[in-house]
Protein backbone atom coordinates (compact mmCIF):
# COMPACT_ATOMS: atom_id res chain seq x y z
CA UNK A 1 102.26 109.69 126.08
CA UNK A 2 101.71 106.93 128.71
CA UNK A 3 104.27 104.43 129.36
CA UNK A 4 104.66 101.51 126.97
CA UNK A 5 105.42 97.76 128.03
CA UNK A 6 106.59 94.88 126.26
CA UNK A 7 103.37 93.28 125.56
CA UNK A 8 101.72 96.16 123.72
CA UNK A 9 102.43 97.05 119.89
CA UNK A 10 104.41 100.47 119.19
CA UNK A 11 103.48 103.13 116.54
CA UNK A 12 106.92 102.71 115.20
CA UNK A 13 108.95 99.57 115.59
CA UNK A 14 112.91 99.44 114.53
CA UNK A 15 115.31 96.36 114.09
CA UNK A 16 118.63 97.89 114.92
CA UNK A 17 121.63 95.59 113.81
CA UNK A 18 124.76 96.40 115.43
CA UNK A 19 127.32 98.01 112.80
CA UNK A 20 130.04 95.24 113.90
CA UNK A 21 127.73 92.36 112.82
CA UNK A 22 127.94 91.06 109.40
CA UNK A 23 124.82 91.22 106.58
CA UNK A 24 124.04 87.54 107.90
CA UNK A 25 122.84 88.79 110.99
CA UNK A 26 119.94 90.14 109.22
CA UNK A 27 119.28 88.28 106.15
CA UNK A 28 119.84 85.02 107.48
CA UNK A 29 119.03 85.42 111.48
CA UNK A 30 116.42 87.97 111.36
CA UNK A 31 114.61 86.92 107.96
CA UNK A 32 111.60 85.40 109.73
CA UNK A 33 111.47 87.91 112.51
CA UNK A 34 111.31 90.84 109.69
CA UNK A 35 108.83 88.79 107.35
CA UNK A 36 106.53 88.39 110.30
CA UNK A 37 106.64 91.78 112.13
CA UNK A 38 108.22 94.10 109.35
CA UNK A 39 110.12 96.38 111.31
CA UNK A 40 112.16 99.60 109.98
CA UNK A 41 115.64 98.23 109.66
CA UNK A 42 118.21 100.87 111.31
CA UNK A 43 121.73 100.92 111.72
CA UNK A 44 122.11 103.97 113.76
CA UNK A 45 119.79 105.60 116.12
CA UNK A 46 119.59 109.16 114.15
CA UNK A 47 116.06 108.28 112.56
CA UNK A 48 114.39 108.01 116.03
CA UNK A 49 114.91 111.61 116.73
CA UNK A 50 112.40 112.62 114.12
CA UNK A 51 109.46 110.87 115.61
CA UNK A 52 106.94 113.36 117.39
CA UNK A 53 107.02 112.81 121.23
CA UNK A 54 103.19 111.79 121.03
CA UNK A 55 104.25 108.32 119.34
CA UNK A 56 105.45 105.24 120.78
CA UNK A 57 108.89 103.65 119.65
CA UNK A 58 110.34 100.27 120.28
CA UNK A 59 113.86 99.23 119.16
CA UNK A 60 114.44 95.82 118.91
CA UNK A 61 118.43 95.49 118.56
CA UNK A 62 120.43 92.80 117.70
CA UNK A 63 124.06 92.95 119.25
CA UNK A 64 126.95 90.78 120.67
CA UNK A 65 127.22 90.76 124.57
CA UNK A 66 130.15 93.21 124.45
CA UNK A 67 128.45 96.20 122.70
CA UNK A 68 125.07 95.81 124.05
CA UNK A 69 125.05 97.88 126.89
CA UNK A 70 126.83 100.52 125.29
CA UNK A 71 124.25 100.54 122.49
CA UNK A 72 121.39 100.68 125.20
CA UNK A 73 122.80 103.78 126.57
CA UNK A 74 123.16 105.42 122.97
CA UNK A 75 119.40 104.70 122.47
CA UNK A 76 118.58 106.29 125.95
CA UNK A 77 120.88 109.46 125.01
CA UNK A 78 118.70 110.00 121.61
CA UNK A 79 115.28 108.90 123.15
CA UNK A 80 114.51 108.19 126.68
CA UNK A 81 111.06 107.17 125.60
CA UNK A 82 111.99 104.52 123.10
CA UNK A 83 111.44 100.96 124.50
CA UNK A 84 114.76 98.97 124.57
CA UNK A 85 114.37 95.29 123.48
CA UNK A 86 117.80 93.95 123.46
CA UNK A 87 118.28 90.39 121.59
CA UNK A 88 122.06 89.69 122.76
CA UNK A 89 123.72 86.79 121.70
CA UNK A 90 127.38 86.01 120.62
CA UNK A 91 126.62 83.50 118.25
CA UNK A 92 124.49 83.83 114.84
CA UNK A 93 122.66 80.57 115.13
CA UNK A 94 121.55 81.69 119.06
CA UNK A 95 120.06 84.77 117.64
CA UNK A 96 118.18 83.41 114.67
CA UNK A 97 116.76 80.71 117.03
CA UNK A 98 115.36 83.63 119.43
CA UNK A 99 114.26 85.55 116.65
CA UNK A 100 112.58 82.42 114.82
CA UNK A 101 110.94 81.61 118.14
CA UNK A 102 109.38 85.03 118.38
CA UNK A 103 108.12 85.03 114.82
CA UNK A 104 106.48 81.69 115.06
CA UNK A 105 104.93 82.31 118.42
CA UNK A 106 103.77 86.02 117.32
CA UNK A 107 105.56 87.78 120.01
CA UNK A 108 107.82 90.55 118.76
CA UNK A 109 109.34 91.50 122.11
CA UNK A 110 109.80 87.96 123.33
CA UNK A 111 106.54 88.04 125.13
CA UNK A 112 102.79 87.55 124.57
CA UNK A 113 100.94 90.56 123.34
CA UNK A 114 98.02 91.81 125.21
CA UNK A 115 94.75 90.60 123.23
CA UNK A 116 92.47 93.95 122.06
CA UNK A 117 88.78 93.49 121.88
CA UNK A 118 88.55 96.08 119.04
CA UNK A 119 91.62 97.44 116.58
CA UNK A 120 92.64 100.80 117.78
CA UNK A 121 92.53 103.50 115.28
CA UNK A 122 96.02 104.66 116.78
CA UNK A 123 97.20 107.64 118.24
CA UNK A 124 95.07 110.85 118.64
CA UNK A 125 97.30 113.20 116.80
CA UNK A 126 97.34 113.31 112.81
CA UNK A 127 99.13 110.28 111.30
CA UNK A 128 102.32 111.00 109.48
CA UNK A 129 102.33 109.81 105.90
CA UNK A 130 104.74 110.64 103.32
CA UNK A 131 102.71 112.05 100.11
CA UNK A 132 103.63 112.67 96.68
CA UNK A 133 102.39 115.97 96.01
CA UNK A 134 100.85 118.78 98.02
CA UNK A 135 97.99 117.89 100.51
CA UNK A 136 95.33 120.70 100.39
CA UNK A 137 91.86 121.09 101.69
CA UNK A 138 88.97 120.73 99.79
CA UNK A 139 88.16 123.33 97.38
CA UNK A 140 91.66 123.80 95.98
CA UNK A 141 92.71 122.81 92.61
CA UNK A 142 96.01 121.02 92.62
CA UNK A 143 96.66 120.63 88.71
CA UNK A 144 95.63 123.61 86.00
CA UNK A 145 93.84 122.12 83.14
CA UNK A 146 95.42 122.31 79.70
CA UNK A 147 93.84 125.04 77.67
CA UNK A 148 91.45 123.87 74.75
CA UNK A 149 91.95 125.76 71.29
CA UNK A 150 88.87 127.30 69.61
CA UNK A 151 90.10 126.65 66.19
CA UNK A 152 89.30 122.61 66.15
CA UNK A 153 88.12 121.46 62.94
CA UNK A 154 86.10 118.47 62.38
CA UNK A 155 87.40 114.95 61.74
CA UNK A 156 86.05 112.31 59.93
CA UNK A 157 85.71 110.18 63.44
CA UNK A 158 83.96 113.13 64.81
CA UNK A 159 82.07 115.19 62.49
CA UNK A 160 80.90 117.84 65.03
CA UNK A 161 83.24 119.34 67.63
CA UNK A 162 81.86 121.40 70.36
CA UNK A 163 84.52 121.44 72.80
CA UNK A 164 84.31 123.80 76.23
CA UNK A 165 86.93 125.96 75.65
CA UNK A 166 89.14 127.75 78.17
CA UNK A 167 90.02 131.43 76.86
CA UNK A 168 93.42 131.87 76.21
CA UNK A 169 94.98 135.17 76.86
CA UNK A 170 97.49 135.80 74.13
CA UNK A 171 99.68 138.24 76.24
CA UNK A 172 99.94 135.65 78.87
CA UNK A 173 103.25 134.10 79.68
CA UNK A 174 103.37 130.20 79.15
CA UNK A 175 103.50 127.84 81.95
CA UNK A 176 106.87 126.37 82.40
CA UNK A 177 107.99 123.32 85.00
CA UNK A 178 109.86 124.70 87.88
CA UNK A 179 113.76 124.14 87.13
CA UNK A 180 115.64 123.09 89.29
CA UNK A 181 113.01 121.42 91.83
CA UNK A 182 112.99 123.01 95.36
CA UNK A 183 113.73 119.58 96.97
CA UNK A 184 112.60 116.29 97.20
CA UNK A 185 108.84 115.56 97.14
CA UNK A 186 108.89 113.77 100.40
CA UNK A 187 111.37 116.02 101.97
């Protein structure tokens, strides 16, 4: 992975709120910033460890001056490749003014972004996308059809019944759902 700078968009953008700050720092100061750029909000750096090495990561950190340097060291210990974007102010109104300025000027990291001629498709490796259910290649059946019984009688709505029947083995064990499930779907 090449080096990332402040004027390019990362694959993953996180907004870190220092733990000692109250919820108003997120819900008031960072409201417009989050609405504009939609970074993932975190309160610790553990999630960053899960991002593969070939993806770029940027962490915009909101903190007071007394904790900013220590938090920068903690981020570097977790991921030396993550771009660190500190928003360091001791007063809520100062942080809000800076984050609102960034949102209004479309500058997520405080500087203009490099314009691109065409949208880039993203990293060359396979994207990480949480899915619901198994992901299988072509030609695989992911759901077993319910068997249709052969003993269907005509109804007044449909006088003739010609189902495409699936033979049912009378000695087969009926299918039952897994209980308990082996874990979360997206885990």
